Amino acid sequence: METPVSRSALYGKLAGPLFRSLESATAFCKLRSNPWVELTHWLHQLTQQPDNDILHVLRHYQIPLSDVEKVLLRQLDMLPAGASAISDFSHHIDLCVEKAWMLASVRYGDNKIRSGWLLLALLTTPELRRVLSSICAPLATLPVDELTEILPSLIETSPEAQERPYDGSCLASAIPGESSQAILGGGQDGKSALAKYCQDMTAQARDGKIAR
């Protein structure tokens, strides 16, 4: 019988930039008063990075980044709003991380989850591909079989290639948001860690440091 992998151990396999992008997605979710951190939040944050695996894939297939951003922004506007607190990551995020880790470790022999493996997990998992089709059609139309074969060469010059998994970066294994106090938990002053983190991120957004 396989030993279940803890959530924190699994998320600790995210490469540093991918881990931080999910933290940013959590803050972005809170700023928009959405109840759940969704794949839409995460993909949006990944499109805001200066360079990563997904951007290499978009360039190869000549998919304009602006098209992807517009679609994601429309989907963000369709999410339920008005929540006073974030409930958790959506089931689809958990599933995507799990499938991406299987691809990374078993098929590609990698010790970390990169955004390229994340994208491939979205495309090769039927449930996730249906979600991707509904939130970002330009990504869902990528040729899966071809991408599965050429992805390593497409992303070999991506900055993610030099990154380590979050749990190997001399930082404690954690769920994205915990290390920066984004996930619910009581602080010494009795205020939830999530509330404190999102308050800090809201201030950064007002200063123009976070893309809305």
N, C-alpha and C. Protein backbone atom coordinates (compact mmCIF):
# COMPACT_ATOMS: atom_id res chain seq x y z
N MET A 1 0.84 -1.20 0.00
CA MET A 1 0.00 0.00 0.00
C MET A 1 0.87 1.24 0.00
N GLU A 2 0.54 2.21 -0.86
CA GLU A 2 1.32 3.43 -0.95
C GLU A 2 1.07 4.31 0.27
N THR A 3 2.13 4.93 0.73
CA THR A 3 2.00 5.85 1.85
C THR A 3 1.53 7.21 1.35
N PRO A 4 0.42 7.73 1.89
CA PRO A 4 -0.06 9.03 1.43
C PRO A 4 0.98 10.12 1.66
N VAL A 5 1.10 11.01 0.71
CA VAL A 5 2.03 12.13 0.83
C VAL A 5 1.29 13.30 1.46
N SER A 6 1.86 13.87 2.50
CA SER A 6 1.19 14.99 3.16
C SER A 6 1.10 16.18 2.22
N ARG A 7 0.12 17.01 2.48
CA ARG A 7 -0.08 18.18 1.63
C ARG A 7 1.14 19.09 1.66
N SER A 8 1.68 19.31 2.85
CA SER A 8 2.83 20.22 2.96
C SER A 8 4.05 19.65 2.25
N ALA A 9 4.24 18.33 2.32
CA ALA A 9 5.38 17.71 1.62
C ALA A 9 5.21 17.83 0.11
N LEU A 10 3.98 17.65 -0.37
CA LEU A 10 3.72 17.74 -1.80
C LEU A 10 3.94 19.16 -2.31
N TYR A 11 3.41 20.14 -1.59
CA TYR A 11 3.58 21.53 -2.00
C TYR A 11 5.03 21.98 -1.85
N GLY A 12 5.76 21.31 -0.98
CA GLY A 12 7.17 21.62 -0.83
C GLY A 12 7.99 21.25 -2.05
N LYS A 13 7.42 20.44 -2.94
CA LYS A 13 8.11 20.08 -4.18
C LYS A 13 8.01 21.16 -5.24
N LEU A 14 7.17 22.16 -5.02
CA LEU A 14 7.09 23.27 -5.97
C LEU A 14 8.42 24.00 -6.02
N ALA A 15 8.89 24.32 -7.22
CA ALA A 15 10.09 25.15 -7.34
C ALA A 15 9.80 26.50 -6.68
N GLY A 16 10.86 27.12 -6.17
CA GLY A 16 10.69 28.37 -5.43
C GLY A 16 9.78 29.39 -6.09
N PRO A 17 10.02 29.75 -7.37
CA PRO A 17 9.16 30.75 -8.01
C PRO A 17 7.70 30.30 -8.14
N LEU A 18 7.49 28.99 -8.34
CA LEU A 18 6.13 28.48 -8.45
C LEU A 18 5.42 28.54 -7.10
N PHE A 19 6.16 28.22 -6.05
CA PHE A 19 5.62 28.31 -4.69
C PHE A 19 5.21 29.75 -4.39
N ARG A 20 6.09 30.68 -4.73
CA ARG A 20 5.80 32.09 -4.45
C ARG A 20 4.65 32.61 -5.32
N SER A 21 4.52 32.08 -6.53
CA SER A 21 3.41 32.51 -7.38
C SER A 21 2.08 32.06 -6.79
N LEU A 22 2.07 30.92 -6.11
CA LEU A 22 0.84 30.46 -5.47
C LEU A 22 0.54 31.30 -4.23
N GLU A 23 1.59 31.73 -3.54
CA GLU A 23 1.38 32.68 -2.45
C GLU A 23 0.77 33.97 -2.97
N SER A 24 1.28 34.46 -4.09
CA SER A 24 0.74 35.68 -4.69
C SER A 24 -0.71 35.48 -5.13
N ALA A 25 -1.00 34.28 -5.64
CA ALA A 25 -2.37 33.97 -6.05
C ALA A 25 -3.31 34.00 -4.85
N THR A 26 -2.81 33.54 -3.69
CA THR A 26 -3.61 33.57 -2.47
C THR A 26 -3.92 35.00 -2.07
N ALA A 27 -2.92 35.85 -2.12
CA ALA A 27 -3.13 37.26 -1.79
C ALA A 27 -4.07 37.92 -2.79
N PHE A 28 -3.90 37.58 -4.07
CA PHE A 28 -4.74 38.15 -5.12
C PHE A 28 -6.19 37.73 -4.93
N CYS A 29 -6.39 36.48 -4.55
CA CYS A 29 -7.73 35.97 -4.26
C CYS A 29 -8.38 36.77 -3.13
N LYS A 30 -7.62 37.03 -2.09
CA LYS A 30 -8.14 37.80 -0.96
C LYS A 30 -8.48 39.23 -1.38
N LEU A 31 -7.63 39.84 -2.17
CA LEU A 31 -7.87 41.21 -2.63
C LEU A 31 -9.17 41.32 -3.42
N ARG A 32 -9.51 40.24 -4.11
CA ARG A 32 -10.73 40.23 -4.92
C ARG A 32 -11.93 39.68 -4.15
N SER A 33 -11.71 39.32 -2.89
CA SER A 33 -12.78 38.80 -2.02
C SER A 33 -13.40 37.52 -2.58
N ASN A 34 -12.56 36.68 -3.20
CA ASN A 34 -13.03 35.37 -3.67
C ASN A 34 -12.89 34.35 -2.56
N PRO A 35 -13.79 33.39 -2.46
CA PRO A 35 -13.74 32.44 -1.34
C PRO A 35 -12.69 31.35 -1.46
N TRP A 36 -12.31 30.98 -2.68
CA TRP A 36 -11.36 29.90 -2.90
C TRP A 36 -10.24 30.36 -3.81
N VAL A 37 -9.03 29.90 -3.53
CA VAL A 37 -7.92 30.15 -4.45
C VAL A 37 -8.07 29.15 -5.60
N GLU A 38 -8.28 29.67 -6.79
CA GLU A 38 -8.57 28.83 -7.95
C GLU A 38 -7.38 28.79 -8.92
N LEU A 39 -7.44 27.84 -9.83
CA LEU A 39 -6.42 27.76 -10.88
C LEU A 39 -6.34 29.07 -11.67
N THR A 40 -7.46 29.74 -11.81
CA THR A 40 -7.48 31.02 -12.53
C THR A 40 -6.56 32.03 -11.86
N HIS A 41 -6.61 32.11 -10.53
CA HIS A 41 -5.73 33.03 -9.80
C HIS A 41 -4.26 32.67 -10.06
N TRP A 42 -3.98 31.37 -9.99
CA TRP A 42 -2.59 30.92 -10.11
C TRP A 42 -2.05 31.17 -11.52
N LEU A 43 -2.82 30.80 -12.53
CA LEU A 43 -2.37 31.03 -13.90
C LEU A 43 -2.19 32.51 -14.18
N HIS A 44 -3.07 33.32 -13.64
CA HIS A 44 -2.93 34.77 -13.83
C HIS A 44 -1.61 35.26 -13.25
N GLN A 45 -1.28 34.81 -12.05
CA GLN A 45 -0.03 35.24 -11.43
C GLN A 45 1.18 34.74 -12.22
N LEU A 46 1.09 33.56 -12.79
CA LEU A 46 2.20 33.03 -13.59
C LEU A 46 2.41 33.86 -14.86
N THR A 47 1.34 34.41 -15.41
CA THR A 47 1.49 35.24 -16.61
C THR A 47 2.10 36.60 -16.28
N GLN A 48 2.15 36.95 -14.99
CA GLN A 48 2.72 38.23 -14.59
C GLN A 48 4.22 38.16 -14.35
N GLN A 49 4.77 36.93 -14.31
CA GLN A 49 6.21 36.79 -14.08
C GLN A 49 6.98 37.17 -15.35
N PRO A 50 8.20 37.68 -15.19
CA PRO A 50 8.99 38.09 -16.36
C PRO A 50 9.42 36.94 -17.25
N ASP A 51 9.63 35.76 -16.67
CA ASP A 51 10.05 34.61 -17.46
C ASP A 51 9.79 33.34 -16.67
N ASN A 52 9.26 32.33 -17.33
CA ASN A 52 9.06 31.02 -16.72
C ASN A 52 8.78 30.00 -17.83
N ASP A 53 8.58 28.75 -17.45
CA ASP A 53 8.36 27.69 -18.43
C ASP A 53 7.15 27.97 -19.32
N ILE A 54 6.06 28.38 -18.71
CA ILE A 54 4.82 28.60 -19.47
C ILE A 54 5.02 29.66 -20.54
N LEU A 55 5.75 30.71 -20.21
CA LEU A 55 6.01 31.76 -21.20
C LEU A 55 6.85 31.24 -22.35
N HIS A 56 7.78 30.32 -22.07
CA HIS A 56 8.56 29.69 -23.14
C HIS A 56 7.65 28.90 -24.08
N VAL A 57 6.68 28.19 -23.50
CA VAL A 57 5.74 27.41 -24.31
C VAL A 57 4.89 28.33 -25.18
N LEU A 58 4.41 29.41 -24.59
CA LEU A 58 3.59 30.36 -25.35
C LEU A 58 4.37 30.93 -26.53
N ARG A 59 5.62 31.28 -26.30
CA ARG A 59 6.44 31.84 -27.38
C ARG A 59 6.66 30.82 -28.50
N HIS A 60 6.90 29.56 -28.10
CA HIS A 60 7.15 28.52 -29.11
C HIS A 60 5.94 28.34 -30.02
N TYR A 61 4.75 28.34 -29.42
CA TYR A 61 3.53 28.11 -30.20
C TYR A 61 2.90 29.41 -30.68
N GLN A 62 3.62 30.51 -30.51
CA GLN A 62 3.19 31.82 -31.00
C GLN A 62 1.80 32.20 -30.51
N ILE A 63 1.57 31.94 -29.23
CA ILE A 63 0.32 32.35 -28.59
C ILE A 63 0.59 33.66 -27.86
N PRO A 64 -0.05 34.74 -28.26
CA PRO A 64 0.20 36.04 -27.60
C PRO A 64 -0.14 35.99 -26.12
N LEU A 65 0.78 36.44 -25.31
CA LEU A 65 0.54 36.49 -23.87
C LEU A 65 -0.67 37.36 -23.55
N SER A 66 -0.84 38.42 -24.31
CA SER A 66 -1.97 39.33 -24.07
C SER A 66 -3.31 38.61 -24.24
N ASP A 67 -3.38 37.65 -25.17
CA ASP A 67 -4.62 36.89 -25.35
C ASP A 67 -4.93 36.05 -24.12
N VAL A 68 -3.89 35.42 -23.58
CA VAL A 68 -4.06 34.60 -22.38
C VAL A 68 -4.48 35.46 -21.20
N GLU A 69 -3.84 36.60 -21.05
CA GLU A 69 -4.16 37.49 -19.93
C GLU A 69 -5.60 37.98 -20.01
N LYS A 70 -6.05 38.34 -21.19
CA LYS A 70 -7.42 38.84 -21.35
C LYS A 70 -8.45 37.78 -20.96
N VAL A 71 -8.21 36.55 -21.41
CA VAL A 71 -9.13 35.45 -21.09
C VAL A 71 -9.17 35.21 -19.59
N LEU A 72 -8.01 35.19 -18.96
CA LEU A 72 -7.95 34.95 -17.52
C LEU A 72 -8.61 36.06 -16.73
N LEU A 73 -8.42 37.30 -17.16
CA LEU A 73 -9.06 38.42 -16.47
C LEU A 73 -10.57 38.33 -16.56
N ARG A 74 -11.09 37.91 -17.70
CA ARG A 74 -12.54 37.73 -17.84
C ARG A 74 -13.04 36.65 -16.88
N GLN A 75 -12.27 35.57 -16.77
CA GLN A 75 -12.67 34.49 -15.87
C GLN A 75 -12.59 34.92 -14.41
N LEU A 76 -11.60 35.72 -14.08
CA LEU A 76 -11.50 36.23 -12.71
C LEU A 76 -12.72 37.05 -12.34
N ASP A 77 -13.22 37.82 -13.28
CA ASP A 77 -14.39 38.65 -13.02
C ASP A 77 -15.66 37.82 -12.84
N MET A 78 -15.63 36.57 -13.27
CA MET A 78 -16.80 35.70 -13.15
C MET A 78 -16.81 34.89 -11.85
N LEU A 79 -15.72 34.94 -11.09
CA LEU A 79 -15.66 34.18 -9.85
C LEU A 79 -16.55 34.81 -8.78
N PRO A 80 -17.10 33.99 -7.87
CA PRO A 80 -17.89 34.53 -6.77
C PRO A 80 -17.04 35.49 -5.95
N ALA A 81 -17.63 36.56 -5.50
CA ALA A 81 -16.91 37.57 -4.72
C ALA A 81 -17.72 37.88 -3.46
N GLY A 82 -17.13 38.70 -2.60
CA GLY A 82 -17.81 39.09 -1.38
C GLY A 82 -17.43 38.29 -0.16
N ALA A 83 -16.48 37.37 -0.31
CA ALA A 83 -16.05 36.57 0.84
C ALA A 83 -15.18 37.40 1.77
N SER A 84 -15.35 37.21 3.06
CA SER A 84 -14.55 37.95 4.04
C SER A 84 -13.25 37.23 4.36
N ALA A 85 -13.14 35.96 3.95
CA ALA A 85 -11.93 35.18 4.20
C ALA A 85 -11.81 34.10 3.15
N ILE A 86 -10.59 33.64 2.93
CA ILE A 86 -10.34 32.56 1.98
C ILE A 86 -10.58 31.23 2.68
N SER A 87 -11.34 30.35 2.04
CA SER A 87 -11.61 29.04 2.63
C SER A 87 -10.40 28.11 2.52
N ASP A 88 -9.83 28.03 1.31
CA ASP A 88 -8.70 27.11 1.09
C ASP A 88 -8.35 27.16 -0.39
N PHE A 89 -7.37 26.34 -0.78
CA PHE A 89 -7.11 26.11 -2.19
C PHE A 89 -8.23 25.24 -2.75
N SER A 90 -8.57 25.43 -4.00
CA SER A 90 -9.58 24.59 -4.62
C SER A 90 -9.05 23.17 -4.80
N HIS A 91 -9.97 22.24 -4.95
CA HIS A 91 -9.61 20.85 -5.22
C HIS A 91 -8.74 20.74 -6.47
N HIS A 92 -9.02 21.57 -7.45
CA HIS A 92 -8.28 21.49 -8.71
C HIS A 92 -6.81 21.88 -8.54
N ILE A 93 -6.52 22.78 -7.63
CA ILE A 93 -5.12 23.13 -7.37
C ILE A 93 -4.41 21.95 -6.72
N ASP A 94 -5.04 21.34 -5.73
CA ASP A 94 -4.44 20.16 -5.09
C ASP A 94 -4.19 19.06 -6.12
N LEU A 95 -5.18 18.80 -6.95
CA LEU A 95 -5.05 17.74 -7.96
C LEU A 95 -3.95 18.07 -8.96
N CYS A 96 -3.87 19.32 -9.36
CA CYS A 96 -2.85 19.72 -10.34
C CYS A 96 -1.44 19.55 -9.78
N VAL A 97 -1.25 19.94 -8.53
CA VAL A 97 0.07 19.79 -7.91
C VAL A 97 0.44 18.31 -7.81
N GLU A 98 -0.52 17.49 -7.43
CA GLU A 98 -0.27 16.05 -7.32
C GLU A 98 0.12 15.45 -8.67
N LYS A 99 -0.63 15.76 -9.71
CA LYS A 99 -0.35 15.21 -11.04
C LYS A 99 0.96 15.77 -11.61
N ALA A 100 1.23 17.04 -11.32
CA ALA A 100 2.47 17.64 -11.81
C ALA A 100 3.68 16.99 -11.16
N TRP A 101 3.56 16.65 -9.88
CA TRP A 101 4.67 15.98 -9.19
C TRP A 101 4.91 14.59 -9.78
N MET A 102 3.85 13.88 -10.12
CA MET A 102 4.00 12.56 -10.74
C MET A 102 4.72 12.69 -12.09
N LEU A 103 4.34 13.67 -12.87
CA LEU A 103 5.01 13.89 -14.16
C LEU A 103 6.48 14.25 -13.96
N ALA A 104 6.72 15.18 -13.05
CA ALA A 104 8.08 15.65 -12.82
C ALA A 104 8.99 14.52 -12.37
N SER A 105 8.54 13.76 -11.38
CA SER A 105 9.41 12.76 -10.76
C SER A 105 9.49 11.46 -11.55
N VAL A 106 8.37 11.00 -12.08
CA VAL A 106 8.35 9.69 -12.75
C VAL A 106 8.72 9.79 -14.22
N ARG A 107 8.10 10.70 -14.95
CA ARG A 107 8.37 10.78 -16.40
C ARG A 107 9.65 11.53 -16.71
N TYR A 108 9.88 12.64 -16.01
CA TYR A 108 10.99 13.52 -16.40
C TYR A 108 12.17 13.48 -15.43
N GLY A 109 12.07 12.71 -14.35
CA GLY A 109 13.19 12.57 -13.43
C GLY A 109 13.61 13.86 -12.75
N ASP A 110 12.67 14.75 -12.54
CA ASP A 110 12.97 16.03 -11.90
C ASP A 110 12.67 15.95 -10.41
N ASN A 111 13.37 16.75 -9.62
CA ASN A 111 13.14 16.74 -8.17
C ASN A 111 12.28 17.91 -7.72
N LYS A 112 11.67 18.59 -8.67
CA LYS A 112 10.84 19.75 -8.34
C LYS A 112 9.72 19.89 -9.35
N ILE A 113 8.69 20.61 -8.96
CA ILE A 113 7.57 20.90 -9.86
C ILE A 113 7.80 22.27 -10.47
N ARG A 114 7.90 22.32 -11.78
CA ARG A 114 8.05 23.57 -12.51
C ARG A 114 6.71 23.93 -13.15
N SER A 115 6.58 25.16 -13.60
CA SER A 115 5.32 25.55 -14.23
C SER A 115 5.08 24.77 -15.52
N GLY A 116 6.15 24.30 -16.16
CA GLY A 116 5.98 23.46 -17.34
C GLY A 116 5.30 22.14 -17.01
N TRP A 117 5.72 21.51 -15.91
CA TRP A 117 5.07 20.26 -15.50
C TRP A 117 3.64 20.54 -15.06
N LEU A 118 3.43 21.69 -14.45
CA LEU A 118 2.08 22.09 -14.02
C LEU A 118 1.16 22.21 -15.24
N LEU A 119 1.64 22.87 -16.28
CA LEU A 119 0.86 23.03 -17.50
C LEU A 119 0.55 21.67 -18.13
N LEU A 120 1.54 20.80 -18.15
CA LEU A 120 1.32 19.48 -18.75
C LEU A 120 0.32 18.67 -17.93
N ALA A 121 0.35 18.82 -16.62
CA ALA A 121 -0.64 18.14 -15.77
C ALA A 121 -2.05 18.62 -16.10
N LEU A 122 -2.19 19.92 -16.35
CA LEU A 122 -3.49 20.47 -16.72
C LEU A 122 -3.98 19.89 -18.04
N LEU A 123 -3.06 19.65 -18.95
CA LEU A 123 -3.42 19.17 -20.29
C LEU A 123 -3.66 17.67 -20.36
N THR A 124 -3.00 16.91 -19.50
CA THR A 124 -3.06 15.44 -19.60
C THR A 124 -4.00 14.79 -18.61
N THR A 125 -4.53 15.54 -17.68
CA THR A 125 -5.50 15.01 -16.71
C THR A 125 -6.90 15.41 -17.18
N PRO A 126 -7.76 14.45 -17.55
CA PRO A 126 -9.06 14.80 -18.13
C PRO A 126 -9.85 15.83 -17.33
N GLU A 127 -9.95 15.65 -16.04
CA GLU A 127 -10.71 16.60 -15.22
C GLU A 127 -10.11 17.99 -15.29
N LEU A 128 -8.79 18.07 -15.22
CA LEU A 128 -8.12 19.37 -15.24
C LEU A 128 -8.17 20.00 -16.63
N ARG A 129 -8.13 19.18 -17.66
CA ARG A 129 -8.21 19.75 -19.01
C ARG A 129 -9.58 20.37 -19.26
N ARG A 130 -10.62 19.76 -18.71
CA ARG A 130 -11.95 20.36 -18.83
C ARG A 130 -11.99 21.72 -18.15
N VAL A 131 -11.37 21.80 -16.99
CA VAL A 131 -11.32 23.07 -16.28
C VAL A 131 -10.52 24.09 -17.09
N LEU A 132 -9.36 23.66 -17.61
CA LEU A 132 -8.52 24.56 -18.39
C LEU A 132 -9.27 25.07 -19.62
N SER A 133 -10.03 24.19 -20.26
CA SER A 133 -10.79 24.61 -21.45
C SER A 133 -11.80 25.69 -21.11
N SER A 134 -12.34 25.63 -19.89
CA SER A 134 -13.35 26.60 -19.50
C SER A 134 -12.76 27.92 -19.03
N ILE A 135 -11.51 27.91 -18.57
CA ILE A 135 -10.93 29.15 -18.04
C ILE A 135 -9.88 29.77 -18.95
N CYS A 136 -9.27 28.97 -19.83
CA CYS A 136 -8.22 29.52 -20.70
C CYS A 136 -8.07 28.67 -21.96
N ALA A 137 -8.96 28.89 -22.91
CA ALA A 137 -8.96 28.10 -24.15
C ALA A 137 -7.63 28.14 -24.90
N PRO A 138 -6.92 29.28 -24.95
CA PRO A 138 -5.64 29.29 -25.68
C PRO A 138 -4.64 28.25 -25.17
N LEU A 139 -4.63 28.00 -23.87
CA LEU A 139 -3.74 26.99 -23.31
C LEU A 139 -4.27 25.58 -23.55
N ALA A 140 -5.59 25.44 -23.49
CA ALA A 140 -6.20 24.12 -23.64
C ALA A 140 -6.04 23.55 -25.04
N THR A 141 -5.75 24.40 -26.01
CA THR A 141 -5.62 23.93 -27.40
C THR A 141 -4.20 23.51 -27.76
N LEU A 142 -3.28 23.58 -26.82
CA LEU A 142 -1.91 23.15 -27.09
C LEU A 142 -1.88 21.66 -27.46
N PRO A 143 -1.02 21.26 -28.39
CA PRO A 143 -0.94 19.85 -28.81
C PRO A 143 -0.27 19.00 -27.73
N VAL A 144 -1.05 18.19 -27.06
CA VAL A 144 -0.57 17.47 -25.88
C VAL A 144 0.55 16.49 -26.20
N ASP A 145 0.35 15.64 -27.19
CA ASP A 145 1.35 14.62 -27.50
C ASP A 145 2.69 15.25 -27.88
N GLU A 146 2.63 16.25 -28.72
CA GLU A 146 3.87 16.92 -29.13
C GLU A 146 4.53 17.61 -27.96
N LEU A 147 3.73 18.32 -27.17
CA LEU A 147 4.30 19.05 -26.04
C LEU A 147 4.93 18.10 -25.02
N THR A 148 4.31 16.95 -24.82
CA THR A 148 4.86 15.96 -23.89
C THR A 148 6.28 15.57 -24.29
N GLU A 149 6.52 15.48 -25.58
CA GLU A 149 7.83 15.06 -26.07
C GLU A 149 8.86 16.20 -26.08
N ILE A 150 8.44 17.39 -26.46
CA ILE A 150 9.42 18.47 -26.66
C ILE A 150 9.52 19.43 -25.48
N LEU A 151 8.65 19.27 -24.47
CA LEU A 151 8.66 20.22 -23.36
C LEU A 151 10.03 20.37 -22.71
N PRO A 152 10.76 19.28 -22.41
CA PRO A 152 12.07 19.47 -21.77
C PRO A 152 13.00 20.38 -22.56
N SER A 153 12.99 20.26 -23.89
CA SER A 153 13.87 21.12 -24.69
C SER A 153 13.35 22.56 -24.74
N LEU A 154 12.04 22.73 -24.68
CA LEU A 154 11.46 24.08 -24.72
C LEU A 154 11.82 24.88 -23.47
N ILE A 155 11.94 24.18 -22.35
CA ILE A 155 12.11 24.89 -21.08
C ILE A 155 13.52 24.78 -20.50
N GLU A 156 14.45 24.23 -21.28
CA GLU A 156 15.79 24.02 -20.73
C GLU A 156 16.52 25.33 -20.43
N THR A 157 16.15 26.42 -21.10
CA THR A 157 16.79 27.71 -20.83
C THR A 157 15.93 28.61 -19.95
N SER A 158 14.83 28.08 -19.46
CA SER A 158 13.97 28.84 -18.55
C SER A 158 14.68 29.03 -17.22
N PRO A 159 14.49 30.16 -16.54
CA PRO A 159 15.11 30.35 -15.22
C PRO A 159 14.67 29.31 -14.20
N GLU A 160 13.55 28.66 -14.43
CA GLU A 160 13.10 27.63 -13.49
C GLU A 160 14.04 26.44 -13.46
N ALA A 161 14.83 26.27 -14.53
CA ALA A 161 15.75 25.13 -14.60
C ALA A 161 16.79 25.18 -13.50
N GLN A 162 17.12 26.38 -13.03
CA GLN A 162 18.16 26.54 -12.02
C GLN A 162 17.61 26.57 -10.60
N GLU A 163 16.30 26.48 -10.47
CA GLU A 163 15.68 26.58 -9.16
C GLU A 163 15.64 25.23 -8.45
N ARG A 164 15.58 25.31 -7.13
CA ARG A 164 15.42 24.11 -6.31
C ARG A 164 13.99 24.00 -5.82
N PRO A 165 13.59 22.79 -5.39
CA PRO A 165 12.26 22.69 -4.78
C PRO A 165 12.22 23.51 -3.50
N TYR A 166 11.06 23.99 -3.17
CA TYR A 166 10.92 24.83 -1.99
C TYR A 166 11.44 24.13 -0.74
N ASP A 167 11.19 22.82 -0.61
CA ASP A 167 11.63 22.12 0.60
C ASP A 167 13.13 21.86 0.61
N GLY A 168 13.83 22.23 -0.48
CA GLY A 168 15.28 22.07 -0.50
C GLY A 168 16.00 23.39 -0.54
N SER A 169 15.29 24.47 -0.19
CA SER A 169 15.88 25.80 -0.29
C SER A 169 16.24 26.37 1.07
N CYS A 170 16.50 25.47 2.04
CA CYS A 170 16.87 25.88 3.39
C CYS A 170 15.70 26.58 4.10
N LEU A 171 14.49 26.29 3.62
CA LEU A 171 13.30 26.83 4.25
C LEU A 171 12.44 25.66 4.69
N ALA A 172 11.62 25.87 5.70
CA ALA A 172 10.78 24.80 6.22
C ALA A 172 9.74 24.38 5.19
N SER A 173 9.47 23.07 5.11
CA SER A 173 8.41 22.59 4.25
C SER A 173 7.10 23.19 4.71
N ALA A 174 6.29 23.62 3.75
CA ALA A 174 5.05 24.29 4.11
C ALA A 174 4.10 24.30 2.94
N ILE A 175 2.87 24.67 3.22
CA ILE A 175 1.88 24.93 2.19
C ILE A 175 2.04 26.38 1.79
N PRO A 176 1.98 26.71 0.49
CA PRO A 176 2.12 28.11 0.08
C PRO A 176 1.18 29.01 0.87
N GLY A 177 1.74 30.04 1.45
CA GLY A 177 0.95 30.93 2.27
C GLY A 177 1.30 30.81 3.73
N GLU A 178 1.70 29.60 4.17
CA GLU A 178 2.04 29.43 5.58
C GLU A 178 3.34 30.14 5.92
N SER A 179 4.34 30.01 5.03
CA SER A 179 5.63 30.62 5.32
C SER A 179 5.54 32.13 5.41
N SER A 180 4.61 32.70 4.66
CA SER A 180 4.44 34.15 4.71
C SER A 180 3.14 34.52 5.41
N GLN A 181 2.62 33.57 6.19
CA GLN A 181 1.43 33.78 7.01
C GLN A 181 0.19 34.09 6.18
N ALA A 182 0.02 33.36 5.09
CA ALA A 182 -1.16 33.56 4.25
C ALA A 182 -2.26 32.56 4.54
N ILE A 183 -1.94 31.46 5.21
CA ILE A 183 -2.93 30.44 5.50
C ILE A 183 -3.42 30.61 6.92
N LEU A 184 -4.70 30.32 7.13
CA LEU A 184 -5.31 30.51 8.44
C LEU A 184 -4.52 29.84 9.55
N GLY A 185 -4.36 30.57 10.63
CA GLY A 185 -3.66 30.09 11.80
C GLY A 185 -3.54 31.21 12.79
N GLY A 186 -3.64 30.90 14.05
CA GLY A 186 -3.62 31.95 15.05
C GLY A 186 -2.24 32.49 15.30
N GLY A 187 -2.10 33.78 15.39
CA GLY A 187 -0.84 34.40 15.73
C GLY A 187 -0.77 34.69 17.20
N GLN A 188 0.32 35.25 17.65
CA GLN A 188 0.48 35.53 19.06
C GLN A 188 -0.52 36.58 19.53
N ASP A 189 -0.95 37.45 18.62
CA ASP A 189 -1.89 38.48 19.03
C ASP A 189 -3.33 38.03 18.84
N GLY A 190 -3.54 36.76 18.46
CA GLY A 190 -4.88 36.24 18.30
C GLY A 190 -5.47 36.49 16.93
N LYS A 191 -4.81 37.27 16.10
CA LYS A 191 -5.30 37.55 14.75
C LYS A 191 -4.87 36.41 13.84
N SER A 192 -5.74 36.00 12.94
CA SER A 192 -5.38 34.91 12.03
C SER A 192 -4.20 35.33 11.17
N ALA A 193 -3.34 34.35 10.89
CA ALA A 193 -2.17 34.63 10.06
C ALA A 193 -2.60 35.09 8.67
N LEU A 194 -3.68 34.48 8.16
CA LEU A 194 -4.16 34.86 6.84
C LEU A 194 -4.59 36.32 6.82
N ALA A 195 -5.31 36.73 7.85
CA ALA A 195 -5.77 38.12 7.90
C ALA A 195 -4.60 39.07 7.92
N LYS A 196 -3.56 38.75 8.72
CA LYS A 196 -2.39 39.61 8.82
C LYS A 196 -1.67 39.68 7.48
N TYR A 197 -1.50 38.52 6.83
CA TYR A 197 -0.78 38.49 5.56
C TYR A 197 -1.53 39.28 4.50
N CYS A 198 -2.83 39.05 4.41
CA CYS A 198 -3.61 39.74 3.38
C CYS A 198 -3.69 41.24 3.64
N GLN A 199 -3.64 41.63 4.90
CA GLN A 199 -3.59 43.05 5.22
C GLN A 199 -2.30 43.65 4.67
N ASP A 200 -1.19 42.93 4.86
CA ASP A 200 0.10 43.39 4.35
C ASP A 200 0.08 43.46 2.82
N MET A 201 -0.49 42.43 2.18
CA MET A 201 -0.52 42.39 0.73
C MET A 201 -1.44 43.46 0.16
N THR A 202 -2.52 43.77 0.88
CA THR A 202 -3.41 44.84 0.44
C THR A 202 -2.66 46.16 0.40
N ALA A 203 -1.83 46.39 1.41
CA ALA A 203 -1.04 47.62 1.45
C ALA A 203 -0.08 47.67 0.26
N GLN A 204 0.52 46.51 -0.06
CA GLN A 204 1.43 46.46 -1.20
C GLN A 204 0.68 46.75 -2.50
N ALA A 205 -0.54 46.22 -2.61
CA ALA A 205 -1.33 46.45 -3.82
C ALA A 205 -1.64 47.93 -3.98
N ARG A 206 -1.95 48.58 -2.87
CA ARG A 206 -2.24 50.01 -2.94
C ARG A 206 -1.03 50.81 -3.38
N ASP A 207 0.15 50.27 -3.05
CA ASP A 207 1.39 50.94 -3.45
C ASP A 207 1.80 50.57 -4.87
N GLY A 208 0.98 49.76 -5.53
CA GLY A 208 1.27 49.38 -6.91
C GLY A 208 2.28 48.27 -7.05
N LYS A 209 2.51 47.49 -5.98
CA LYS A 209 3.52 46.43 -6.04
C LYS A 209 2.94 45.09 -6.45
N ILE A 210 1.62 44.98 -6.54
CA ILE A 210 0.98 43.74 -6.96
C ILE A 210 0.07 44.05 -8.12
N ALA A 211 0.16 43.25 -9.17
CA ALA A 211 -0.71 43.47 -10.34
C ALA A 211 -2.13 43.07 -10.00
N ARG A 212 -3.08 43.96 -10.28
CA ARG A 212 -4.48 43.65 -10.02
C ARG A 212 -5.12 42.99 -11.25
